[in-house]
N, C-alpha and C. Protein backbone atom coordinates (compact mmCIF):
# COMPACT_ATOMS: atom_id res chain seq x y z
N MET A 1 213.79 132.28 -3.98
CA MET A 1 212.49 131.88 -4.47
C MET A 1 212.63 130.97 -5.67
N GLY A 2 213.56 131.18 -6.55
CA GLY A 2 213.62 130.40 -7.78
C GLY A 2 212.75 131.05 -8.84
N SER A 3 212.52 130.34 -9.92
CA SER A 3 211.70 130.88 -11.00
C SER A 3 210.23 130.77 -10.65
N VAL A 4 209.40 131.27 -11.52
CA VAL A 4 207.96 131.23 -11.28
C VAL A 4 207.31 130.07 -12.02
N ASN A 5 207.99 128.98 -12.11
CA ASN A 5 207.48 127.81 -12.81
C ASN A 5 206.35 127.13 -12.05
N GLU A 6 205.58 126.37 -12.82
CA GLU A 6 204.54 125.54 -12.23
C GLU A 6 205.03 124.10 -12.16
N LEU A 7 204.50 123.38 -11.19
CA LEU A 7 204.74 121.95 -11.06
C LEU A 7 203.37 121.28 -11.07
N TRP A 8 203.11 120.53 -12.13
CA TRP A 8 201.86 119.80 -12.28
C TRP A 8 202.07 118.39 -11.76
N LEU A 9 201.14 117.91 -10.95
CA LEU A 9 201.23 116.59 -10.33
C LEU A 9 200.07 115.72 -10.79
N VAL A 10 200.37 114.48 -11.15
CA VAL A 10 199.34 113.51 -11.50
C VAL A 10 199.58 112.25 -10.68
N ARG A 11 198.60 111.89 -9.88
CA ARG A 11 198.68 110.62 -9.17
C ARG A 11 198.27 109.51 -10.14
N HIS A 12 198.93 108.38 -10.05
CA HIS A 12 198.63 107.26 -10.94
C HIS A 12 197.17 106.84 -10.85
N GLY A 13 196.72 106.11 -11.87
CA GLY A 13 195.36 105.59 -11.89
C GLY A 13 195.14 104.54 -10.82
N ARG A 14 193.90 104.19 -10.66
CA ARG A 14 193.48 103.25 -9.61
C ARG A 14 194.06 101.84 -9.85
N THR A 15 194.50 101.23 -8.76
CA THR A 15 194.99 99.85 -8.76
C THR A 15 194.14 99.04 -7.80
N GLU A 16 194.31 97.74 -7.82
CA GLU A 16 193.58 96.89 -6.88
C GLU A 16 193.93 97.27 -5.44
N TRP A 17 195.21 97.55 -5.20
CA TRP A 17 195.62 97.89 -3.83
C TRP A 17 195.16 99.29 -3.42
N SER A 18 195.18 100.26 -4.33
CA SER A 18 194.70 101.60 -3.94
C SER A 18 193.20 101.54 -3.66
N ALA A 19 192.46 100.74 -4.44
CA ALA A 19 191.02 100.58 -4.21
C ALA A 19 190.74 99.96 -2.84
N ALA A 20 191.63 99.08 -2.39
CA ALA A 20 191.46 98.40 -1.10
C ALA A 20 192.09 99.16 0.07
N GLY A 21 192.75 100.28 -0.21
CA GLY A 21 193.38 101.06 0.86
C GLY A 21 194.68 100.47 1.37
N LYS A 22 195.30 99.57 0.58
CA LYS A 22 196.56 98.96 1.00
C LYS A 22 197.73 99.89 0.68
N HIS A 23 198.66 100.00 1.61
CA HIS A 23 199.85 100.81 1.40
C HIS A 23 200.71 100.15 0.33
N THR A 24 201.00 100.91 -0.72
CA THR A 24 201.71 100.37 -1.88
C THR A 24 202.89 101.26 -2.20
N SER A 25 204.08 100.79 -1.92
CA SER A 25 205.26 101.56 -2.32
C SER A 25 206.08 100.75 -3.31
N ARG A 26 206.78 99.74 -2.85
CA ARG A 26 207.69 98.96 -3.71
C ARG A 26 206.98 97.95 -4.60
N THR A 27 205.82 97.46 -4.18
CA THR A 27 205.11 96.45 -4.96
C THR A 27 204.57 97.08 -6.24
N ASP A 28 204.87 96.47 -7.37
CA ASP A 28 204.46 97.02 -8.66
C ASP A 28 203.10 96.46 -9.06
N VAL A 29 202.06 97.07 -8.57
CA VAL A 29 200.69 96.65 -8.84
C VAL A 29 200.21 97.35 -10.12
N PRO A 30 199.63 96.61 -11.07
CA PRO A 30 199.18 97.24 -12.32
C PRO A 30 197.91 98.06 -12.13
N LEU A 31 197.65 98.94 -13.06
CA LEU A 31 196.40 99.70 -13.06
C LEU A 31 195.23 98.76 -13.33
N LEU A 32 194.11 99.05 -12.71
CA LEU A 32 192.87 98.37 -13.04
C LEU A 32 192.37 98.91 -14.39
N PRO A 33 191.50 98.20 -15.09
CA PRO A 33 190.97 98.72 -16.36
C PRO A 33 190.38 100.12 -16.22
N GLU A 34 189.64 100.37 -15.14
CA GLU A 34 189.08 101.72 -14.96
C GLU A 34 190.18 102.75 -14.67
N GLY A 35 191.27 102.31 -14.05
CA GLY A 35 192.41 103.19 -13.84
C GLY A 35 193.06 103.57 -15.16
N GLU A 36 193.11 102.62 -16.08
CA GLU A 36 193.64 102.91 -17.41
C GLU A 36 192.73 103.87 -18.17
N ASP A 37 191.41 103.67 -18.07
CA ASP A 37 190.46 104.55 -18.75
C ASP A 37 190.59 106.00 -18.27
N VAL A 38 190.68 106.17 -16.97
CA VAL A 38 190.80 107.52 -16.42
C VAL A 38 192.14 108.14 -16.81
N ALA A 39 193.20 107.34 -16.82
CA ALA A 39 194.51 107.84 -17.22
C ALA A 39 194.46 108.35 -18.66
N ARG A 40 193.78 107.62 -19.55
CA ARG A 40 193.63 108.08 -20.94
C ARG A 40 192.90 109.42 -21.00
N SER A 41 191.93 109.59 -20.13
CA SER A 41 191.13 110.83 -20.16
C SER A 41 191.92 112.06 -19.72
N LEU A 42 193.08 111.85 -19.10
CA LEU A 42 193.90 112.99 -18.66
C LEU A 42 194.61 113.65 -19.83
N GLY A 43 194.84 112.92 -20.91
CA GLY A 43 195.59 113.43 -22.05
C GLY A 43 195.15 114.79 -22.55
N PRO A 44 193.87 114.96 -22.88
CA PRO A 44 193.43 116.25 -23.40
C PRO A 44 193.62 117.41 -22.40
N ARG A 45 193.55 117.12 -21.12
CA ARG A 45 193.73 118.17 -20.10
C ARG A 45 195.18 118.62 -20.01
N LEU A 46 196.12 117.76 -20.42
CA LEU A 46 197.54 118.05 -20.26
C LEU A 46 198.24 118.39 -21.58
N ALA A 47 197.61 118.07 -22.70
CA ALA A 47 198.28 118.10 -24.01
C ALA A 47 198.81 119.48 -24.41
N ASP A 48 198.14 120.54 -24.07
CA ASP A 48 198.51 121.87 -24.57
C ASP A 48 199.26 122.74 -23.57
N VAL A 49 199.76 122.16 -22.50
CA VAL A 49 200.41 122.96 -21.47
C VAL A 49 201.82 123.39 -21.89
N GLY A 50 202.50 122.58 -22.64
CA GLY A 50 203.87 122.92 -23.05
C GLY A 50 204.90 122.63 -21.98
N PHE A 51 204.83 121.45 -21.40
CA PHE A 51 205.77 121.05 -20.36
C PHE A 51 207.19 121.01 -20.92
N VAL A 52 208.14 121.55 -20.15
CA VAL A 52 209.54 121.49 -20.57
C VAL A 52 210.22 120.23 -20.04
N GLN A 53 209.63 119.63 -19.02
CA GLN A 53 210.10 118.34 -18.55
C GLN A 53 208.92 117.56 -17.99
N VAL A 54 208.94 116.26 -18.28
CA VAL A 54 207.92 115.35 -17.77
C VAL A 54 208.66 114.23 -17.06
N LEU A 55 208.34 114.06 -15.78
CA LEU A 55 209.00 113.09 -14.91
C LEU A 55 207.99 112.05 -14.46
N THR A 56 208.47 110.85 -14.20
CA THR A 56 207.59 109.82 -13.65
C THR A 56 208.35 108.96 -12.66
N SER A 57 207.63 108.50 -11.67
CA SER A 57 208.15 107.47 -10.77
C SER A 57 208.51 106.25 -11.61
N PRO A 58 209.48 105.46 -11.17
CA PRO A 58 209.82 104.24 -11.90
C PRO A 58 208.78 103.13 -11.76
N ARG A 59 207.84 103.26 -10.85
CA ARG A 59 206.84 102.21 -10.65
C ARG A 59 205.93 102.10 -11.87
N ALA A 60 205.58 100.88 -12.24
CA ALA A 60 204.80 100.62 -13.45
C ALA A 60 203.48 101.37 -13.46
N ARG A 61 202.82 101.49 -12.31
CA ARG A 61 201.52 102.16 -12.28
C ARG A 61 201.63 103.63 -12.65
N ALA A 62 202.71 104.29 -12.25
CA ALA A 62 202.92 105.70 -12.61
C ALA A 62 203.36 105.81 -14.07
N ARG A 63 204.29 104.95 -14.49
CA ARG A 63 204.75 104.99 -15.88
C ARG A 63 203.61 104.71 -16.85
N ARG A 64 202.74 103.77 -16.51
CA ARG A 64 201.59 103.44 -17.37
C ARG A 64 200.61 104.60 -17.42
N THR A 65 200.39 105.26 -16.31
CA THR A 65 199.52 106.44 -16.29
C THR A 65 200.09 107.51 -17.21
N ALA A 66 201.39 107.76 -17.12
CA ALA A 66 202.04 108.74 -17.99
C ALA A 66 201.86 108.36 -19.46
N GLU A 67 202.09 107.09 -19.76
CA GLU A 67 201.97 106.62 -21.14
C GLU A 67 200.55 106.83 -21.67
N LEU A 68 199.55 106.42 -20.90
CA LEU A 68 198.16 106.52 -21.35
C LEU A 68 197.70 107.97 -21.45
N ALA A 69 198.31 108.85 -20.67
CA ALA A 69 197.97 110.28 -20.73
C ALA A 69 198.69 110.99 -21.87
N GLY A 70 199.53 110.25 -22.61
CA GLY A 70 200.21 110.83 -23.76
C GLY A 70 201.66 111.19 -23.53
N PHE A 71 202.26 110.69 -22.45
CA PHE A 71 203.64 111.04 -22.12
C PHE A 71 204.50 109.78 -21.95
N ALA A 72 204.50 108.95 -22.98
CA ALA A 72 205.26 107.70 -22.94
C ALA A 72 206.76 107.94 -22.81
N ASP A 73 207.21 109.14 -23.20
CA ASP A 73 208.65 109.45 -23.14
C ASP A 73 209.05 110.15 -21.85
N ALA A 74 208.19 110.09 -20.82
CA ALA A 74 208.51 110.73 -19.54
C ALA A 74 209.83 110.18 -19.00
N THR A 75 210.60 111.05 -18.37
CA THR A 75 211.88 110.67 -17.77
C THR A 75 211.64 110.01 -16.42
N VAL A 76 212.16 108.81 -16.25
CA VAL A 76 212.02 108.11 -14.98
C VAL A 76 212.88 108.80 -13.92
N ASP A 77 212.26 109.14 -12.80
CA ASP A 77 212.93 109.85 -11.72
C ASP A 77 212.69 109.09 -10.42
N GLY A 78 213.72 108.45 -9.91
CA GLY A 78 213.60 107.67 -8.68
C GLY A 78 213.18 108.47 -7.47
N ASP A 79 213.34 109.79 -7.51
CA ASP A 79 212.91 110.61 -6.38
C ASP A 79 211.40 110.68 -6.25
N LEU A 80 210.66 110.27 -7.29
CA LEU A 80 209.20 110.32 -7.27
C LEU A 80 208.54 109.04 -6.78
N VAL A 81 209.32 108.05 -6.33
CA VAL A 81 208.70 106.82 -5.82
C VAL A 81 207.82 107.14 -4.60
N GLU A 82 206.91 106.23 -4.33
CA GLU A 82 206.05 106.39 -3.16
C GLU A 82 206.87 106.24 -1.88
N TRP A 83 206.40 106.83 -0.82
CA TRP A 83 206.98 106.68 0.52
C TRP A 83 207.15 105.19 0.77
N ASP A 84 208.31 104.77 1.19
CA ASP A 84 208.57 103.35 1.44
C ASP A 84 207.95 102.98 2.79
N TYR A 85 206.93 102.11 2.74
CA TYR A 85 206.19 101.73 3.94
C TYR A 85 206.84 100.58 4.72
N GLY A 86 207.93 100.05 4.21
CA GLY A 86 208.64 98.99 4.94
C GLY A 86 207.73 97.82 5.24
N GLU A 87 207.67 97.45 6.52
CA GLU A 87 206.87 96.30 6.95
C GLU A 87 205.37 96.51 6.78
N TYR A 88 204.95 97.74 6.52
CA TYR A 88 203.53 98.03 6.34
C TYR A 88 203.08 97.94 4.89
N GLU A 89 203.99 97.52 4.01
CA GLU A 89 203.65 97.33 2.60
C GLU A 89 202.53 96.30 2.47
N GLY A 90 201.49 96.67 1.72
CA GLY A 90 200.41 95.74 1.43
C GLY A 90 199.34 95.61 2.49
N ILE A 91 199.44 96.39 3.56
CA ILE A 91 198.39 96.34 4.58
C ILE A 91 197.76 97.72 4.72
N THR A 92 196.60 97.76 5.35
CA THR A 92 195.82 98.99 5.46
C THR A 92 196.09 99.71 6.78
N THR A 93 195.71 100.96 6.83
CA THR A 93 195.85 101.72 8.07
C THR A 93 195.07 101.08 9.22
N PRO A 94 193.79 100.66 9.01
CA PRO A 94 193.09 100.00 10.13
C PRO A 94 193.82 98.75 10.63
N GLU A 95 194.45 97.99 9.74
CA GLU A 95 195.20 96.81 10.17
C GLU A 95 196.42 97.22 11.01
N ILE A 96 197.10 98.27 10.59
CA ILE A 96 198.26 98.75 11.35
C ILE A 96 197.82 99.24 12.72
N ARG A 97 196.68 99.92 12.77
CA ARG A 97 196.19 100.49 14.03
C ARG A 97 195.74 99.44 15.04
N GLU A 98 195.59 98.19 14.60
CA GLU A 98 195.28 97.12 15.56
C GLU A 98 196.43 96.94 16.54
N THR A 99 197.66 97.24 16.11
CA THR A 99 198.82 97.10 17.00
C THR A 99 199.47 98.45 17.33
N VAL A 100 199.22 99.48 16.51
CA VAL A 100 199.77 100.81 16.75
C VAL A 100 198.62 101.82 16.68
N PRO A 101 197.89 102.01 17.78
CA PRO A 101 196.74 102.92 17.77
C PRO A 101 197.13 104.33 17.30
N GLY A 102 196.29 104.89 16.45
CA GLY A 102 196.51 106.25 15.97
C GLY A 102 197.56 106.39 14.88
N TRP A 103 198.09 105.26 14.38
CA TRP A 103 199.16 105.32 13.39
C TRP A 103 198.73 106.07 12.13
N THR A 104 199.63 106.93 11.62
CA THR A 104 199.56 107.48 10.26
C THR A 104 201.00 107.56 9.76
N ILE A 105 201.18 107.57 8.47
CA ILE A 105 202.52 107.71 7.90
C ILE A 105 203.10 109.08 8.25
N TRP A 106 202.23 110.04 8.50
CA TRP A 106 202.65 111.42 8.79
C TRP A 106 203.16 111.59 10.21
N SER A 107 202.75 110.71 11.12
CA SER A 107 203.09 110.93 12.53
C SER A 107 203.87 109.79 13.19
N HIS A 108 203.95 108.64 12.54
CA HIS A 108 204.59 107.48 13.14
C HIS A 108 205.59 106.88 12.15
N PRO A 109 206.57 106.17 12.64
CA PRO A 109 207.51 105.50 11.72
C PRO A 109 206.86 104.29 11.06
N ALA A 110 207.45 103.90 9.94
CA ALA A 110 207.08 102.66 9.25
C ALA A 110 208.30 101.75 9.40
N PRO A 111 208.23 100.73 10.26
CA PRO A 111 209.39 99.87 10.49
C PRO A 111 209.97 99.34 9.17
N GLY A 112 211.27 99.56 8.98
CA GLY A 112 211.93 99.11 7.77
C GLY A 112 211.69 100.00 6.57
N GLY A 113 210.96 101.08 6.75
CA GLY A 113 210.64 101.99 5.65
C GLY A 113 211.39 103.30 5.75
N GLU A 114 210.92 104.28 5.00
CA GLU A 114 211.57 105.60 4.98
C GLU A 114 211.10 106.46 6.14
N THR A 115 211.97 107.34 6.57
CA THR A 115 211.59 108.38 7.53
C THR A 115 211.09 109.59 6.75
N SER A 116 210.39 110.47 7.43
CA SER A 116 209.93 111.68 6.75
C SER A 116 211.12 112.53 6.30
N ASP A 117 212.22 112.47 7.02
CA ASP A 117 213.41 113.23 6.61
C ASP A 117 214.00 112.67 5.32
N GLN A 118 214.01 111.36 5.17
CA GLN A 118 214.49 110.77 3.92
C GLN A 118 213.59 111.15 2.75
N VAL A 119 212.29 111.16 2.98
CA VAL A 119 211.33 111.57 1.95
C VAL A 119 211.57 113.04 1.60
N ARG A 120 211.78 113.88 2.60
CA ARG A 120 212.01 115.30 2.36
C ARG A 120 213.22 115.53 1.47
N VAL A 121 214.31 114.85 1.75
CA VAL A 121 215.54 115.05 0.98
C VAL A 121 215.31 114.77 -0.50
N ARG A 122 214.67 113.67 -0.81
CA ARG A 122 214.50 113.34 -2.23
C ARG A 122 213.44 114.23 -2.90
N LEU A 123 212.40 114.60 -2.17
CA LEU A 123 211.39 115.47 -2.79
C LEU A 123 211.89 116.90 -2.95
N ASP A 124 212.78 117.33 -2.09
CA ASP A 124 213.39 118.66 -2.27
C ASP A 124 214.18 118.72 -3.58
N ARG A 125 214.74 117.59 -4.00
CA ARG A 125 215.44 117.56 -5.29
C ARG A 125 214.45 117.75 -6.44
N VAL A 126 213.26 117.17 -6.32
CA VAL A 126 212.23 117.35 -7.35
C VAL A 126 211.80 118.81 -7.40
N VAL A 127 211.59 119.41 -6.24
CA VAL A 127 211.21 120.82 -6.19
C VAL A 127 212.28 121.68 -6.87
N GLU A 128 213.52 121.42 -6.57
CA GLU A 128 214.61 122.19 -7.17
C GLU A 128 214.64 122.02 -8.68
N ARG A 129 214.46 120.80 -9.17
CA ARG A 129 214.45 120.58 -10.62
C ARG A 129 213.30 121.34 -11.28
N ALA A 130 212.14 121.33 -10.65
CA ALA A 130 210.98 122.03 -11.21
C ALA A 130 211.17 123.55 -11.17
N ARG A 131 211.68 124.05 -10.08
CA ARG A 131 211.87 125.50 -9.96
C ARG A 131 212.96 126.02 -10.88
N SER A 132 213.93 125.19 -11.23
CA SER A 132 215.02 125.66 -12.09
C SER A 132 214.77 125.37 -13.57
N ALA A 133 213.67 124.74 -13.90
CA ALA A 133 213.35 124.43 -15.30
C ALA A 133 212.96 125.71 -16.04
N ALA A 134 212.99 125.63 -17.36
CA ALA A 134 212.69 126.78 -18.21
C ALA A 134 211.19 126.87 -18.54
N GLY A 135 210.36 126.23 -17.75
CA GLY A 135 208.92 126.23 -17.96
C GLY A 135 208.27 125.21 -17.05
N PRO A 136 206.99 124.88 -17.30
CA PRO A 136 206.27 123.97 -16.41
C PRO A 136 206.78 122.53 -16.45
N THR A 137 206.72 121.88 -15.30
CA THR A 137 207.12 120.49 -15.13
C THR A 137 205.88 119.67 -14.81
N LEU A 138 205.82 118.47 -15.37
CA LEU A 138 204.75 117.51 -15.09
C LEU A 138 205.38 116.31 -14.39
N ALA A 139 204.79 115.88 -13.27
CA ALA A 139 205.32 114.75 -12.52
C ALA A 139 204.22 113.73 -12.24
N PHE A 140 204.45 112.47 -12.64
CA PHE A 140 203.53 111.37 -12.36
C PHE A 140 204.06 110.60 -11.16
N GLY A 141 203.21 110.41 -10.16
CA GLY A 141 203.68 109.75 -8.95
C GLY A 141 202.56 109.12 -8.15
N HIS A 142 202.70 109.20 -6.82
CA HIS A 142 201.90 108.42 -5.88
C HIS A 142 201.30 109.30 -4.78
N GLY A 143 200.27 108.77 -4.14
CA GLY A 143 199.51 109.52 -3.16
C GLY A 143 200.27 110.23 -2.05
N HIS A 144 200.94 109.48 -1.19
CA HIS A 144 201.63 110.12 -0.07
C HIS A 144 202.82 110.95 -0.53
N ALA A 145 203.59 110.44 -1.48
CA ALA A 145 204.76 111.19 -1.93
C ALA A 145 204.35 112.50 -2.60
N LEU A 146 203.30 112.50 -3.41
CA LEU A 146 202.88 113.75 -4.05
C LEU A 146 202.30 114.74 -3.03
N ARG A 147 201.63 114.24 -2.02
CA ARG A 147 201.12 115.12 -0.96
C ARG A 147 202.30 115.75 -0.21
N ALA A 148 203.32 114.93 0.06
CA ALA A 148 204.52 115.46 0.72
C ALA A 148 205.25 116.43 -0.20
N LEU A 149 205.26 116.15 -1.50
CA LEU A 149 205.89 117.04 -2.47
C LEU A 149 205.20 118.41 -2.48
N ALA A 150 203.88 118.41 -2.40
CA ALA A 150 203.15 119.68 -2.33
C ALA A 150 203.55 120.46 -1.07
N ALA A 151 203.67 119.76 0.04
CA ALA A 151 204.10 120.44 1.28
C ALA A 151 205.48 121.06 1.10
N ARG A 152 206.39 120.33 0.49
CA ARG A 152 207.75 120.85 0.28
C ARG A 152 207.75 122.02 -0.70
N TRP A 153 206.92 121.97 -1.75
CA TRP A 153 206.79 123.10 -2.67
C TRP A 153 206.39 124.36 -1.90
N LEU A 154 205.49 124.17 -0.93
CA LEU A 154 205.00 125.28 -0.10
C LEU A 154 205.96 125.64 1.03
N GLU A 155 207.11 124.95 1.07
CA GLU A 155 208.15 125.18 2.08
C GLU A 155 207.66 124.83 3.48
N LEU A 156 206.84 123.77 3.56
CA LEU A 156 206.31 123.26 4.81
C LEU A 156 206.95 121.91 5.13
N PRO A 157 206.88 121.48 6.38
CA PRO A 157 207.37 120.13 6.71
C PRO A 157 206.58 119.06 5.96
N VAL A 158 207.21 117.94 5.68
CA VAL A 158 206.58 116.83 4.99
C VAL A 158 205.24 116.46 5.62
N ALA A 159 205.16 116.44 6.95
CA ALA A 159 203.95 116.02 7.65
C ALA A 159 202.73 116.86 7.30
N GLU A 160 202.93 118.07 6.80
CA GLU A 160 201.80 118.91 6.43
C GLU A 160 201.07 118.36 5.21
N GLY A 161 201.69 117.42 4.49
CA GLY A 161 201.03 116.77 3.38
C GLY A 161 199.77 116.03 3.79
N GLN A 162 199.64 115.74 5.09
CA GLN A 162 198.44 115.06 5.59
C GLN A 162 197.17 115.86 5.33
N HIS A 163 197.29 117.15 5.08
CA HIS A 163 196.12 118.00 4.89
C HIS A 163 195.64 118.07 3.44
N PHE A 164 196.32 117.36 2.53
CA PHE A 164 196.00 117.44 1.10
C PHE A 164 195.48 116.09 0.61
N GLN A 165 194.18 115.90 0.61
CA GLN A 165 193.61 114.67 0.07
C GLN A 165 193.97 114.58 -1.41
N LEU A 166 194.35 113.38 -1.86
CA LEU A 166 194.73 113.22 -3.26
C LEU A 166 194.20 111.89 -3.78
N ASP A 167 193.23 111.97 -4.67
CA ASP A 167 192.62 110.78 -5.24
C ASP A 167 193.45 110.27 -6.42
N THR A 168 193.18 109.05 -6.85
CA THR A 168 193.89 108.48 -7.99
C THR A 168 193.50 109.23 -9.27
N ALA A 169 194.46 109.29 -10.20
CA ALA A 169 194.28 109.88 -11.53
C ALA A 169 193.73 111.31 -11.49
N THR A 170 194.24 112.10 -10.56
CA THR A 170 193.84 113.50 -10.48
C THR A 170 195.01 114.39 -10.88
N VAL A 171 194.68 115.63 -11.23
CA VAL A 171 195.68 116.62 -11.61
C VAL A 171 195.68 117.73 -10.57
N SER A 172 196.89 118.10 -10.14
CA SER A 172 197.06 119.22 -9.21
C SER A 172 198.14 120.12 -9.79
N VAL A 173 198.04 121.42 -9.48
CA VAL A 173 199.00 122.38 -10.02
C VAL A 173 199.53 123.24 -8.89
N LEU A 174 200.86 123.26 -8.78
CA LEU A 174 201.55 124.12 -7.81
C LEU A 174 202.18 125.26 -8.59
N GLY A 175 202.12 126.45 -8.03
CA GLY A 175 202.67 127.61 -8.74
C GLY A 175 203.12 128.69 -7.78
N TRP A 176 202.94 129.91 -8.22
CA TRP A 176 203.41 131.07 -7.47
C TRP A 176 202.39 132.19 -7.54
N GLU A 177 202.35 133.01 -6.49
CA GLU A 177 201.63 134.27 -6.51
C GLU A 177 202.41 135.24 -5.64
N HIS A 178 202.75 136.38 -6.22
CA HIS A 178 203.50 137.41 -5.50
C HIS A 178 204.72 136.82 -4.80
N GLU A 179 205.50 136.04 -5.52
CA GLU A 179 206.74 135.42 -5.04
C GLU A 179 206.56 134.41 -3.92
N ALA A 180 205.33 133.96 -3.71
CA ALA A 180 205.08 132.92 -2.70
C ALA A 180 204.60 131.65 -3.39
N PRO A 181 205.12 130.49 -2.98
CA PRO A 181 204.63 129.24 -3.57
C PRO A 181 203.18 129.00 -3.16
N THR A 182 202.40 128.54 -4.12
CA THR A 182 200.96 128.36 -3.88
C THR A 182 200.46 127.05 -4.47
N ILE A 183 199.26 126.68 -4.07
CA ILE A 183 198.50 125.63 -4.72
C ILE A 183 197.52 126.34 -5.64
N ARG A 184 197.66 126.11 -6.94
CA ARG A 184 196.78 126.74 -7.92
C ARG A 184 195.53 125.90 -8.16
N ARG A 185 195.71 124.58 -8.11
CA ARG A 185 194.59 123.65 -8.31
C ARG A 185 194.96 122.39 -7.58
N TRP A 186 193.95 121.74 -6.94
CA TRP A 186 194.28 120.53 -6.19
C TRP A 186 193.21 119.47 -6.39
N ASN A 187 193.67 118.23 -6.62
CA ASN A 187 192.82 117.04 -6.64
C ASN A 187 191.71 117.15 -7.69
N ALA A 188 192.02 117.80 -8.82
CA ALA A 188 191.00 118.01 -9.86
C ALA A 188 190.95 116.83 -10.81
């Protein structure tokens, strides 16, 4: 089971591409002004938790969200990058479905991108770091990767992340109850 630590997740603030529904993994799109404002508002909600480690994706949108929320010294962790969409970078699901009916990242491959197994391997490392920490961990990241991370925390396949809607600049908390991994708060 590991320790009874919590893993707090924050999805980055809104960007032009997230507002448009474009798949954004490797492209470093900046936060919109309203994304920055909401990121600043997260600070008071997170300030008194006493995180023993704060991690962030290396992407500028996640690092900037961490900074504006009061965690400019967050440790960059490459395992927190967004799912690599490969050839689907910068396009929307409806555009992909014009040639691949029914496509989702959870059920279909992304040509030139990551497989769900590759995502699982790196997110399992994040889970292990959080579970072995001496207290709560805070992680700043991205929509699909954080949803997959929640599934892995719950010891479910990556694809089960499809059931966890996650909006920009939201806080979610993963924890434990009676030695079972749980979702304590989601998309708040």
